[in-house]
Amino acid sequence: MHMHIKQTLAVGVSVAAMLATVAGCSSSSSNGSSSSGSTISIVAAENEYGDVAQSIGGAAVKVTSIMSNPNTDPHTFEASTSVARTISTANIVIENGLGYDDFMSKLESASPNDHRVVISAQKVLKLPDSTKNPHLWYNPGNMLKVASALRDELVKMDAKQAKTFDANYTKFQASLEGLQSQIADFKSAHDGVTAAVTEPVADYLLELSGVKVLTPWSLQAAIMNDTDPSSQDSSYQESLFTGKQIKLFLYNQQVTDDTTTKYLNLAKRNTIAVVGVYETMPSGYHYVSWMQAELKAMTAAVEHGTSSERL
């Protein structure tokens, strides 16, 4: 497993304690099917997936997102008993996979339910466990595939509302096409622009946008996995700022420590524009408007040297 070590350890300890609490919660109250008119319960590990689920399901679904606070570090997330209970009665669970939200599979195992459908972005995208970067939602194409898988499951559960689910999916698809067009515009204007990052949160979006990340992967992975970067990587990263080799700096607002703060201060001292990125969707946004805001911040950074540390 390549990331979120603290999270997994913390949750591993707490799941055993929840078993007794939720053991009686996965009874016939949730059978995975829904007659027309009844609400389909969806639990999303991260609120960006929850937002997509709401877009596709509309009034037919009740969505609960577990990780939704942009001010917390998802690496150290601890699931509560109420979270375990919510998962135990869900019709559909949506998770990222790739070791990012391992607490979900632990909680699912703690409350077996043969009728519960689990949609894993990793499995939908057929990605191997060795995939380096788990932040899949920063690629809009990935979210479209997850939305398509969700639409299919919703139709199975409530066939009478199939036309509504299809219409919602088509609308979401159109909004993603608009976003992808904006990404293409950025690439056409700024292809090859250089950046440093703290960790690979937005790397998929940067790659699609033609941004060249100069931060060594080994440094990104070290910070993502809550370990210290090598002194060689740290020196190289610092030289990107002091040598003004980069036009923008992508700073993860949710996972900060002395190392990331040092880079942030280096960016400010060397007048390099900072763009704040997030692992869970900030409040006030939907998935597409969030990605558009990140793209707008990147554009302001490259074209005007403007920093947007927070969205």
C-alpha atoms as a PDB file:
ATOM      1  CA  MET A   1       0.000   0.000   0.000  1.00  0.00           C
ATOM      2  CA  HIS A   2       1.427   3.304  -0.984  1.00  0.00           C
ATOM      3  CA  MET A   3      -0.403   5.957   0.951  1.00  0.00           C
ATOM      4  CA  HIS A   4      -2.477   7.074   3.880  1.00  0.00           C
ATOM      5  CA  ILE A   5      -0.682   4.863   6.350  1.00  0.00           C
ATOM      6  CA  LYS A   6      -1.881   6.729   9.427  1.00  0.00           C
ATOM      7  CA  GLN A   7      -5.468   6.513   8.233  1.00  0.00           C
ATOM      8  CA  THR A   8      -5.380   2.752   7.791  1.00  0.00           C
ATOM      9  CA  LEU A   9      -3.819   2.103  11.190  1.00  0.00           C
ATOM     10  CA  ALA A  10      -6.285   4.348  12.976  1.00  0.00           C
ATOM     11  CA  VAL A  11      -9.273   2.785  11.301  1.00  0.00           C
ATOM     12  CA  GLY A  12      -7.995  -0.749  11.771  1.00  0.00           C
ATOM     13  CA  VAL A  13      -8.089  -0.268  15.524  1.00  0.00           C
ATOM     14  CA  SER A  14     -11.575   1.212  15.534  1.00  0.00           C
ATOM     15  CA  VAL A  15     -13.334  -1.207  13.173  1.00  0.00           C
ATOM     16  CA  ALA A  16     -13.178  -4.093  15.628  1.00  0.00           C
ATOM     17  CA  ALA A  17     -14.891  -1.936  18.220  1.00  0.00           C
ATOM     18  CA  MET A  18     -17.677  -1.136  15.771  1.00  0.00           C
ATOM     19  CA  LEU A  19     -18.484  -4.726  14.838  1.00  0.00           C
ATOM     20  CA  ALA A  20     -20.807  -5.296  17.751  1.00  0.00           C
ATOM     21  CA  THR A  21     -22.449  -1.914  17.247  1.00  0.00           C
ATOM     22  CA  VAL A  22     -23.346  -2.392  13.609  1.00  0.00           C
ATOM     23  CA  ALA A  23     -23.857  -6.152  13.564  1.00  0.00           C
ATOM     24  CA  GLY A  24     -27.610  -5.758  13.836  1.00  0.00           C
ATOM     25  CA  CYS A  25     -27.819  -2.859  11.425  1.00  0.00           C
ATOM     26  CA  SER A  26     -27.479  -4.736   8.143  1.00  0.00           C
ATOM     27  CA  SER A  27     -30.747  -6.597   8.360  1.00  0.00           C
ATOM     28  CA  SER A  28     -33.427  -6.706   5.694  1.00  0.00           C
ATOM     29  CA  SER A  29     -33.959  -2.958   6.038  1.00  0.00           C
ATOM     30  CA  SER A  30     -31.665  -2.531   3.030  1.00  0.00           C
ATOM     31  CA  ASN A  31     -32.080  -5.049   0.250  1.00  0.00           C
ATOM     32  CA  GLY A  32     -30.364  -3.154  -2.529  1.00  0.00           C
ATOM     33  CA  SER A  33     -33.510  -2.745  -4.585  1.00  0.00           C
ATOM     34  CA  SER A  34     -35.846   0.190  -4.683  1.00  0.00           C
ATOM     35  CA  SER A  35     -39.403   0.299  -5.883  1.00  0.00           C
ATOM     36  CA  SER A  36     -40.275   3.528  -7.631  1.00  0.00           C
ATOM     37  CA  GLY A  37     -40.909   6.275  -5.134  1.00  0.00           C
ATOM     38  CA  SER A  38     -38.596   5.023  -2.421  1.00  0.00           C
ATOM     39  CA  THR A  39     -35.232   6.703  -1.951  1.00  0.00           C
ATOM     40  CA  ILE A  40     -31.983   4.965  -2.863  1.00  0.00           C
ATOM     41  CA  SER A  41     -29.371   5.423  -0.145  1.00  0.00           C
ATOM     42  CA  ILE A  42     -25.874   6.234  -1.434  1.00  0.00           C
ATOM     43  CA  VAL A  43     -22.772   6.595   0.724  1.00  0.00           C
ATOM     44  CA  ALA A  44     -19.705   8.200  -0.871  1.00  0.00           C
ATOM     45  CA  ALA A  45     -16.303   8.033   0.778  1.00  0.00           C
ATOM     46  CA  GLU A  46     -15.374  11.512  -0.527  1.00  0.00           C
ATOM     47  CA  ASN A  47     -17.752  14.382  -1.192  1.00  0.00           C
ATOM     48  CA  GLU A  48     -16.632  14.859  -4.801  1.00  0.00           C
ATOM     49  CA  TYR A  49     -18.018  11.399  -5.552  1.00  0.00           C
ATOM     50  CA  GLY A  50     -21.075  12.241  -3.465  1.00  0.00           C
ATOM     51  CA  ASP A  51     -21.678  15.334  -5.567  1.00  0.00           C
ATOM     52  CA  VAL A  52     -21.523  13.300  -8.782  1.00  0.00           C
ATOM     53  CA  ALA A  53     -23.950  10.774  -7.251  1.00  0.00           C
ATOM     54  CA  GLN A  54     -26.388  13.580  -6.421  1.00  0.00           C
ATOM     55  CA  SER A  55     -26.096  14.930  -9.969  1.00  0.00           C
ATOM     56  CA  ILE A  56     -27.009  11.548 -11.478  1.00  0.00           C
ATOM     57  CA  GLY A  57     -29.555  10.373  -8.902  1.00  0.00           C
ATOM     58  CA  GLY A  58     -31.363  13.654  -8.307  1.00  0.00           C
ATOM     59  CA  ALA A  59     -34.467  13.411  -6.139  1.00  0.00           C
ATOM     60  CA  ALA A  60     -34.387   9.600  -6.232  1.00  0.00           C
ATOM     61  CA  VAL A  61     -31.317   9.353  -4.002  1.00  0.00           C
ATOM     62  CA  LYS A  62     -30.181  10.347  -0.542  1.00  0.00           C
ATOM     63  CA  VAL A  63     -26.420  10.888  -0.565  1.00  0.00           C
ATOM     64  CA  THR A  64     -24.161  10.847   2.489  1.00  0.00           C
ATOM     65  CA  SER A  65     -20.534  11.865   2.001  1.00  0.00           C
ATOM     66  CA  ILE A  66     -18.139  10.697   4.685  1.00  0.00           C
ATOM     67  CA  MET A  67     -15.100  12.887   4.031  1.00  0.00           C
ATOM     68  CA  SER A  68     -16.308  16.382   3.304  1.00  0.00           C
ATOM     69  CA  ASN A  69     -14.282  18.800   5.445  1.00  0.00           C
ATOM     70  CA  PRO A  70     -11.596  20.593   3.410  1.00  0.00           C
ATOM     71  CA  ASN A  71      -9.912  21.709   6.647  1.00  0.00           C
ATOM     72  CA  THR A  72      -9.012  18.192   7.754  1.00  0.00           C
ATOM     73  CA  ASP A  73      -6.227  15.851   6.715  1.00  0.00           C
ATOM     74  CA  PRO A  74      -7.822  12.839   4.974  1.00  0.00           C
ATOM     75  CA  HIS A  75      -4.691  10.829   5.758  1.00  0.00           C
ATOM     76  CA  THR A  76      -5.632  10.729   9.445  1.00  0.00           C
ATOM     77  CA  PHE A  77      -9.379  10.249   9.000  1.00  0.00           C
ATOM     78  CA  GLU A  78     -11.019   8.040  11.604  1.00  0.00           C
ATOM     79  CA  ALA A  79     -14.421   6.529  10.899  1.00  0.00           C
ATOM     80  CA  SER A  80     -17.004   6.812  13.661  1.00  0.00           C
ATOM     81  CA  THR A  81     -19.684   4.347  14.704  1.00  0.00           C
ATOM     82  CA  SER A  82     -22.311   6.476  12.963  1.00  0.00           C
ATOM     83  CA  VAL A  83     -20.327   6.187   9.709  1.00  0.00           C
ATOM     84  CA  ALA A  84     -20.265   2.394  10.118  1.00  0.00           C
ATOM     85  CA  ARG A  85     -24.030   2.380  10.656  1.00  0.00           C
ATOM     86  CA  THR A  86     -24.633   4.534   7.573  1.00  0.00           C
ATOM     87  CA  ILE A  87     -22.555   2.207   5.396  1.00  0.00           C
ATOM     88  CA  SER A  88     -24.328  -0.854   6.815  1.00  0.00           C
ATOM     89  CA  THR A  89     -27.706   0.338   5.495  1.00  0.00           C
ATOM     90  CA  ALA A  90     -26.572   1.837   2.166  1.00  0.00           C
ATOM     91  CA  ASN A  91     -27.907   0.588  -1.184  1.00  0.00           C
ATOM     92  CA  ILE A  92     -24.829   1.892  -3.026  1.00  0.00           C
ATOM     93  CA  VAL A  93     -21.350   2.733  -1.760  1.00  0.00           C
ATOM     94  CA  ILE A  94     -18.919   4.766  -3.870  1.00  0.00           C
ATOM     95  CA  GLU A  95     -15.233   4.749  -3.030  1.00  0.00           C
ATOM     96  CA  ASN A  96     -11.983   5.759  -4.683  1.00  0.00           C
ATOM     97  CA  GLY A  97      -9.854   2.661  -4.096  1.00  0.00           C
ATOM     98  CA  LEU A  98      -6.065   2.455  -4.568  1.00  0.00           C
ATOM     99  CA  GLY A  99      -5.543   2.424  -0.800  1.00  0.00           C
ATOM    100  CA  TYR A 100      -6.908   5.959  -0.527  1.00  0.00           C
ATOM    101  CA  ASP A 101     -10.009   5.051   1.492  1.00  0.00           C
ATOM    102  CA  ASP A 102      -9.242   1.611   2.887  1.00  0.00           C
ATOM    103  CA  PHE A 103     -11.499   2.332   5.845  1.00  0.00           C
ATOM    104  CA  MET A 104     -14.472   1.813   3.513  1.00  0.00           C
ATOM    105  CA  SER A 105     -13.717  -1.839   2.741  1.00  0.00           C
ATOM    106  CA  LYS A 106     -13.077  -2.472   6.431  1.00  0.00           C
ATOM    107  CA  LEU A 107     -16.454  -1.011   7.344  1.00  0.00           C
ATOM    108  CA  GLU A 108     -18.166  -2.903   4.513  1.00  0.00           C
ATOM    109  CA  SER A 109     -16.653  -6.143   5.817  1.00  0.00           C
ATOM    110  CA  ALA A 110     -17.819  -5.264   9.322  1.00  0.00           C
ATOM    111  CA  SER A 111     -21.437  -5.141   8.120  1.00  0.00           C
ATOM    112  CA  PRO A 112     -21.908  -7.699   5.317  1.00  0.00           C
ATOM    113  CA  ASN A 113     -24.803  -6.981   2.958  1.00  0.00           C
ATOM    114  CA  ASP A 114     -25.202  -9.126  -0.148  1.00  0.00           C
ATOM    115  CA  HIS A 115     -27.471  -6.556  -1.785  1.00  0.00           C
ATOM    116  CA  ARG A 116     -25.243  -3.533  -1.305  1.00  0.00           C
ATOM    117  CA  VAL A 117     -23.537  -2.397  -4.509  1.00  0.00           C
ATOM    118  CA  VAL A 118     -19.979  -1.083  -4.164  1.00  0.00           C
ATOM    119  CA  ILE A 119     -18.671   1.161  -6.943  1.00  0.00           C
ATOM    120  CA  SER A 120     -14.898   1.561  -6.737  1.00  0.00           C
ATOM    121  CA  ALA A 121     -13.390   4.163  -9.064  1.00  0.00           C
ATOM    122  CA  GLN A 122     -10.264   2.017  -9.238  1.00  0.00           C
ATOM    123  CA  LYS A 123     -12.252  -1.001 -10.427  1.00  0.00           C
ATOM    124  CA  VAL A 124     -14.411   1.011 -12.839  1.00  0.00           C
ATOM    125  CA  LEU A 125     -11.216   2.357 -14.409  1.00  0.00           C
ATOM    126  CA  LYS A 126      -9.532  -1.093 -14.244  1.00  0.00           C
ATOM    127  CA  LEU A 127      -6.464   0.328 -12.514  1.00  0.00           C
ATOM    128  CA  PRO A 128      -3.893  -1.969 -10.878  1.00  0.00           C
ATOM    129  CA  ASP A 129      -3.074  -1.576  -7.186  1.00  0.00           C
ATOM    130  CA  SER A 130       0.371  -0.367  -8.260  1.00  0.00           C
ATOM    131  CA  THR A 131      -1.123   2.850  -9.727  1.00  0.00           C
ATOM    132  CA  LYS A 132       1.063   5.574  -8.225  1.00  0.00           C
ATOM    133  CA  ASN A 133      -1.346   8.489  -7.959  1.00  0.00           C
ATOM    134  CA  PRO A 134      -4.695   7.759  -6.255  1.00  0.00           C
ATOM    135  CA  HIS A 135      -6.234  11.242  -6.721  1.00  0.00           C
ATOM    136  CA  LEU A 136      -8.413  10.000  -9.578  1.00  0.00           C
ATOM    137  CA  TRP A 137     -11.043  12.750  -9.453  1.00  0.00           C
ATOM    138  CA  TYR A 138      -8.633  15.350 -10.850  1.00  0.00           C
ATOM    139  CA  ASN A 139      -9.207  13.744 -14.250  1.00  0.00           C
ATOM    140  CA  PRO A 140     -12.757  14.589 -15.425  1.00  0.00           C
ATOM    141  CA  GLY A 141     -12.771  11.578 -17.769  1.00  0.00           C
ATOM    142  CA  ASN A 142     -12.457   9.317 -14.733  1.00  0.00           C
ATOM    143  CA  MET A 143     -15.484  10.932 -13.119  1.00  0.00           C
ATOM    144  CA  LEU A 144     -17.553  10.414 -16.267  1.00  0.00           C
ATOM    145  CA  LYS A 145     -16.828   6.669 -16.145  1.00  0.00           C
ATOM    146  CA  VAL A 146     -17.781   6.521 -12.455  1.00  0.00           C
ATOM    147  CA  ALA A 147     -20.980   8.445 -13.244  1.00  0.00           C
ATOM    148  CA  SER A 148     -21.789   5.987 -16.030  1.00  0.00           C
ATOM    149  CA  ALA A 149     -21.308   2.995 -13.700  1.00  0.00           C
ATOM    150  CA  LEU A 150     -23.537   4.678 -11.111  1.00  0.00           C
ATOM    151  CA  ARG A 151     -26.243   5.442 -13.697  1.00  0.00           C
ATOM    152  CA  ASP A 152     -26.289   1.760 -14.690  1.00  0.00           C
ATOM    153  CA  GLU A 153     -26.708   0.637 -11.066  1.00  0.00           C
ATOM    154  CA  LEU A 154     -29.458   3.189 -10.404  1.00  0.00           C
ATOM    155  CA  VAL A 155     -31.385   1.993 -13.464  1.00  0.00           C
ATOM    156  CA  LYS A 156     -31.172  -1.587 -12.155  1.00  0.00           C
ATOM    157  CA  MET A 157     -32.526  -0.478  -8.772  1.00  0.00           C
ATOM    158  CA  ASP A 158     -35.316   1.735 -10.069  1.00  0.00           C
ATOM    159  CA  ALA A 159     -36.063   1.031 -13.728  1.00  0.00           C
ATOM    160  CA  LYS A 160     -39.121   3.308 -13.698  1.00  0.00           C
ATOM    161  CA  GLN A 161     -36.817   6.316 -13.303  1.00  0.00           C
ATOM    162  CA  ALA A 162     -34.373   5.224 -16.003  1.00  0.00           C
ATOM    163  CA  LYS A 163     -35.231   8.191 -18.249  1.00  0.00           C
ATOM    164  CA  THR A 164     -34.519  10.620 -15.407  1.00  0.00           C
ATOM    165  CA  PHE A 165     -31.189   8.979 -14.601  1.00  0.00           C
ATOM    166  CA  ASP A 166     -30.246   9.010 -18.292  1.00  0.00           C
ATOM    167  CA  ALA A 167     -31.169  12.677 -18.621  1.00  0.00           C
ATOM    168  CA  ASN A 168     -29.170  13.575 -15.508  1.00  0.00           C
ATOM    169  CA  TYR A 169     -26.191  11.645 -16.819  1.00  0.00           C
ATOM    170  CA  THR A 170     -26.390  13.390 -20.200  1.00  0.00           C
ATOM    171  CA  LYS A 171     -26.472  16.782 -18.463  1.00  0.00           C
ATOM    172  CA  PHE A 172     -23.459  15.854 -16.313  1.00  0.00           C
ATOM    173  CA  GLN A 173     -21.618  14.584 -19.385  1.00  0.00           C
ATOM    174  CA  ALA A 174     -22.220  17.917 -21.144  1.00  0.00           C
ATOM    175  CA  SER A 175     -20.851  19.859 -18.158  1.00  0.00           C
ATOM    176  CA  LEU A 176     -17.722  17.665 -18.164  1.00  0.00           C
ATOM    177  CA  GLU A 177     -17.262  18.259 -21.889  1.00  0.00           C
ATOM    178  CA  GLY A 178     -17.350  21.987 -21.174  1.00  0.00           C
ATOM    179  CA  LEU A 179     -14.697  21.527 -18.487  1.00  0.00           C
ATOM    180  CA  GLN A 180     -12.524  19.407 -20.767  1.00  0.00           C
ATOM    181  CA  SER A 181     -12.778  22.109 -23.421  1.00  0.00           C
ATOM    182  CA  GLN A 182     -11.500  24.680 -20.890  1.00  0.00           C
ATOM    183  CA  ILE A 183      -8.624  22.349 -19.991  1.00  0.00           C
ATOM    184  CA  ALA A 184      -7.752  22.044 -23.689  1.00  0.00           C
ATOM    185  CA  ASP A 185      -7.819  25.853 -24.009  1.00  0.00           C
ATOM    186  CA  PHE A 186      -5.380  26.175 -21.098  1.00  0.00           C
ATOM    187  CA  LYS A 187      -3.057  23.602 -22.656  1.00  0.00           C
ATOM    188  CA  SER A 188      -3.139  25.320 -26.013  1.00  0.00           C
ATOM    189  CA  ALA A 189      -2.206  28.652 -24.389  1.00  0.00           C
ATOM    190  CA  HIS A 190       0.318  27.414 -21.809  1.00  0.00           C
ATOM    191  CA  ASP A 191       1.612  23.999 -22.899  1.00  0.00           C
ATOM    192  CA  GLY A 192       4.892  23.175 -21.139  1.00  0.00           C
ATOM    193  CA  VAL A 193       4.529  25.728 -18.336  1.00  0.00           C
ATOM    194  CA  THR A 194       6.507  24.528 -15.305  1.00  0.00           C
ATOM    195  CA  ALA A 195       5.258  23.887 -11.775  1.00  0.00           C
ATOM    196  CA  ALA A 196       6.283  22.501  -8.399  1.00  0.00           C
ATOM    197  CA  VAL A 197       3.904  20.634  -6.105  1.00  0.00           C
ATOM    198  CA  THR A 198       3.888  19.336  -2.542  1.00  0.00           C
ATOM    199  CA  GLU A 199       2.263  16.033  -3.499  1.00  0.00           C
ATOM    200  CA  PRO A 200       0.437  14.627  -6.535  1.00  0.00           C
ATOM    201  CA  VAL A 201      -3.053  15.825  -5.595  1.00  0.00           C
ATOM    202  CA  ALA A 202      -3.722  17.709  -8.845  1.00  0.00           C
ATOM    203  CA  ASP A 203      -1.168  15.936 -11.060  1.00  0.00           C
ATOM    204  CA  TYR A 204      -3.804  14.381 -13.347  1.00  0.00           C
ATOM    205  CA  LEU A 205      -5.304  17.815 -14.042  1.00  0.00           C
ATOM    206  CA  LEU A 206      -1.839  19.317 -14.528  1.00  0.00           C
ATOM    207  CA  GLU A 207      -0.910  16.621 -17.016  1.00  0.00           C
ATOM    208  CA  LEU A 208      -4.122  17.167 -19.012  1.00  0.00           C
ATOM    209  CA  SER A 209      -3.443  20.916 -18.954  1.00  0.00           C
ATOM    210  CA  GLY A 210       0.073  20.585 -20.380  1.00  0.00           C
ATOM    211  CA  VAL A 211       1.753  21.650 -17.128  1.00  0.00           C
ATOM    212  CA  LYS A 212       5.209  20.151 -16.590  1.00  0.00           C
ATOM    213  CA  VAL A 213       5.711  19.184 -12.927  1.00  0.00           C
ATOM    214  CA  LEU A 214       9.393  19.498 -12.003  1.00  0.00           C
ATOM    215  CA  THR A 215       9.058  18.211  -8.422  1.00  0.00           C
ATOM    216  CA  PRO A 216      10.587  14.709  -8.236  1.00  0.00           C
ATOM    217  CA  TRP A 217       7.997  11.943  -7.920  1.00  0.00           C
ATOM    218  CA  SER A 218       9.913  10.513  -4.951  1.00  0.00           C
ATOM    219  CA  LEU A 219       9.395  13.783  -3.041  1.00  0.00           C
ATOM    220  CA  GLN A 220       5.692  13.896  -3.908  1.00  0.00           C
ATOM    221  CA  ALA A 221       5.277  10.288  -2.771  1.00  0.00           C
ATOM    222  CA  ALA A 222       7.177  10.898   0.467  1.00  0.00           C
ATOM    223  CA  ILE A 223       4.916  13.788   1.469  1.00  0.00           C
ATOM    224  CA  MET A 224       1.815  11.848   0.357  1.00  0.00           C
ATOM    225  CA  ASN A 225       2.880   8.925   2.535  1.00  0.00           C
ATOM    226  CA  ASP A 226       3.742  11.135   5.508  1.00  0.00           C
ATOM    227  CA  THR A 227       7.480  10.453   5.368  1.00  0.00           C
ATOM    228  CA  ASP A 228      10.419  12.835   5.052  1.00  0.00           C
ATOM    229  CA  PRO A 229      11.725  13.522   1.548  1.00  0.00           C
ATOM    230  CA  SER A 230      15.394  12.705   0.928  1.00  0.00           C
ATOM    231  CA  SER A 231      17.833  15.555   1.412  1.00  0.00           C
ATOM    232  CA  GLN A 232      18.707  15.344  -2.282  1.00  0.00           C
ATOM    233  CA  ASP A 233      15.052  15.738  -3.322  1.00  0.00           C
ATOM    234  CA  SER A 234      14.552  18.559  -0.817  1.00  0.00           C
ATOM    235  CA  SER A 235      17.564  20.460  -2.172  1.00  0.00           C
ATOM    236  CA  TYR A 236      16.325  20.039  -5.728  1.00  0.00           C
ATOM    237  CA  GLN A 237      12.812  21.191  -4.798  1.00  0.00           C
ATOM    238  CA  GLU A 238      14.213  24.262  -3.043  1.00  0.00           C
ATOM    239  CA  SER A 239      16.313  25.099  -6.113  1.00  0.00           C
ATOM    240  CA  LEU A 240      13.129  25.210  -8.209  1.00  0.00           C
ATOM    241  CA  PHE A 241      12.005  28.173  -6.103  1.00  0.00           C
ATOM    242  CA  THR A 242      15.297  29.963  -5.560  1.00  0.00           C
ATOM    243  CA  GLY A 243      16.274  29.517  -9.215  1.00  0.00           C
ATOM    244  CA  LYS A 244      12.798  30.675 -10.312  1.00  0.00           C
ATOM    245  CA  GLN A 245      12.509  27.622 -12.558  1.00  0.00           C
ATOM    246  CA  ILE A 246       8.741  27.365 -12.079  1.00  0.00           C
ATOM    247  CA  LYS A 247       5.774  29.564 -12.898  1.00  0.00           C
ATOM    248  CA  LEU A 248       3.388  28.192 -10.287  1.00  0.00           C
ATOM    249  CA  PHE A 249       3.316  26.135  -7.093  1.00  0.00           C
ATOM    250  CA  LEU A 250       0.440  23.750  -6.339  1.00  0.00           C
ATOM    251  CA  TYR A 251      -0.013  23.546  -2.571  1.00  0.00           C
ATOM    252  CA  ASN A 252      -2.199  20.900  -0.908  1.00  0.00           C
ATOM    253  CA  GLN A 253      -4.256  22.802   1.643  1.00  0.00           C
ATOM    254  CA  GLN A 254      -5.303  19.658   3.513  1.00  0.00           C
ATOM    255  CA  VAL A 255      -1.974  18.050   4.274  1.00  0.00           C
ATOM    256  CA  THR A 256       0.456  20.577   5.698  1.00  0.00           C
ATOM    257  CA  ASP A 257       3.535  20.296   7.879  1.00  0.00           C
ATOM    258  CA  ASP A 258       6.895  22.018   8.383  1.00  0.00           C
ATOM    259  CA  THR A 259       8.164  20.744   5.023  1.00  0.00           C
ATOM    260  CA  THR A 260       5.213  21.974   2.961  1.00  0.00           C
ATOM    261  CA  THR A 261       5.184  25.286   4.866  1.00  0.00           C
ATOM    262  CA  LYS A 262       8.878  25.735   4.029  1.00  0.00           C
ATOM    263  CA  TYR A 263       8.063  25.361   0.316  1.00  0.00           C
ATOM    264  CA  LEU A 264       5.131  27.752   0.627  1.00  0.00           C
ATOM    265  CA  ASN A 265       7.391  30.390   2.172  1.00  0.00           C
ATOM    266  CA  LEU A 266      10.005  29.817  -0.532  1.00  0.00           C
ATOM    267  CA  ALA A 267       7.345  30.400  -3.188  1.00  0.00           C
ATOM    268  CA  LYS A 268       6.301  33.660  -1.544  1.00  0.00           C
ATOM    269  CA  ARG A 269       9.875  34.877  -1.086  1.00  0.00           C
ATOM    270  CA  ASN A 270      10.634  34.202  -4.746  1.00  0.00           C
ATOM    271  CA  THR A 271       7.342  35.668  -6.010  1.00  0.00           C
ATOM    272  CA  ILE A 272       6.093  32.388  -7.452  1.00  0.00           C
ATOM    273  CA  ALA A 273       2.307  32.208  -7.681  1.00  0.00           C
ATOM    274  CA  VAL A 274       0.625  29.685  -5.375  1.00  0.00           C
ATOM    275  CA  VAL A 275      -2.495  27.661  -6.244  1.00  0.00           C
ATOM    276  CA  GLY A 276      -4.235  25.862  -3.381  1.00  0.00           C
ATOM    277  CA  VAL A 277      -5.536  22.375  -4.170  1.00  0.00           C
ATOM    278  CA  TYR A 278      -7.752  20.086  -2.116  1.00  0.00           C
ATOM    279  CA  GLU A 279      -8.432  16.395  -1.612  1.00  0.00           C
ATOM    280  CA  THR A 280     -12.076  16.867  -0.681  1.00  0.00           C
ATOM    281  CA  MET A 281     -14.318  19.333  -2.467  1.00  0.00           C
ATOM    282  CA  PRO A 282     -14.425  22.761  -0.746  1.00  0.00           C
ATOM    283  CA  SER A 283     -17.839  23.964   0.401  1.00  0.00           C
ATOM    284  CA  GLY A 284     -19.878  26.016  -2.037  1.00  0.00           C
ATOM    285  CA  TYR A 285     -18.759  24.048  -5.069  1.00  0.00           C
ATOM    286  CA  HIS A 286     -19.998  21.207  -7.232  1.00  0.00           C
ATOM    287  CA  TYR A 287     -17.462  18.884  -8.822  1.00  0.00           C
ATOM    288  CA  VAL A 288     -17.312  20.712 -12.163  1.00  0.00           C
ATOM    289  CA  SER A 289     -17.280  24.223 -10.667  1.00  0.00           C
ATOM    290  CA  TRP A 290     -14.487  23.114  -8.310  1.00  0.00           C
ATOM    291  CA  MET A 291     -12.306  21.914 -11.192  1.00  0.00           C
ATOM    292  CA  GLN A 292     -13.137  25.102 -13.110  1.00  0.00           C
ATOM    293  CA  ALA A 293     -12.043  27.169 -10.090  1.00  0.00           C
ATOM    294  CA  GLU A 294      -8.714  25.300  -9.928  1.00  0.00           C
ATOM    295  CA  LEU A 295      -8.215  25.904 -13.644  1.00  0.00           C
ATOM    296  CA  LYS A 296      -9.081  29.593 -13.259  1.00  0.00           C
ATOM    297  CA  ALA A 297      -6.579  29.875 -10.396  1.00  0.00           C
ATOM    298  CA  MET A 298      -3.906  28.186 -12.530  1.00  0.00           C
ATOM    299  CA  THR A 299      -4.639  30.616 -15.365  1.00  0.00           C
ATOM    300  CA  ALA A 300      -4.360  33.651 -13.054  1.00  0.00           C
ATOM    301  CA  ALA A 301      -1.092  32.271 -11.675  1.00  0.00           C
ATOM    302  CA  VAL A 302       0.485  31.733 -15.090  1.00  0.00           C
ATOM    303  CA  GLU A 303      -0.825  34.861 -16.827  1.00  0.00           C
ATOM    304  CA  HIS A 304      -0.719  37.403 -14.009  1.00  0.00           C
ATOM    305  CA  GLY A 305       1.400  35.883 -11.226  1.00  0.00           C
ATOM    306  CA  THR A 306      -1.668  35.916  -8.986  1.00  0.00           C
ATOM    307  CA  SER A 307      -1.803  33.535  -6.015  1.00  0.00           C
ATOM    308  CA  SER A 308      -4.992  31.749  -4.979  1.00  0.00           C
ATOM    309  CA  GLU A 309      -3.906  29.876  -1.874  1.00  0.00           C
ATOM    310  CA  ARG A 310      -7.537  29.119  -1.032  1.00  0.00           C
ATOM    311  CA  LEU A 311     -10.497  28.776  -3.360  1.00  0.00           C
END
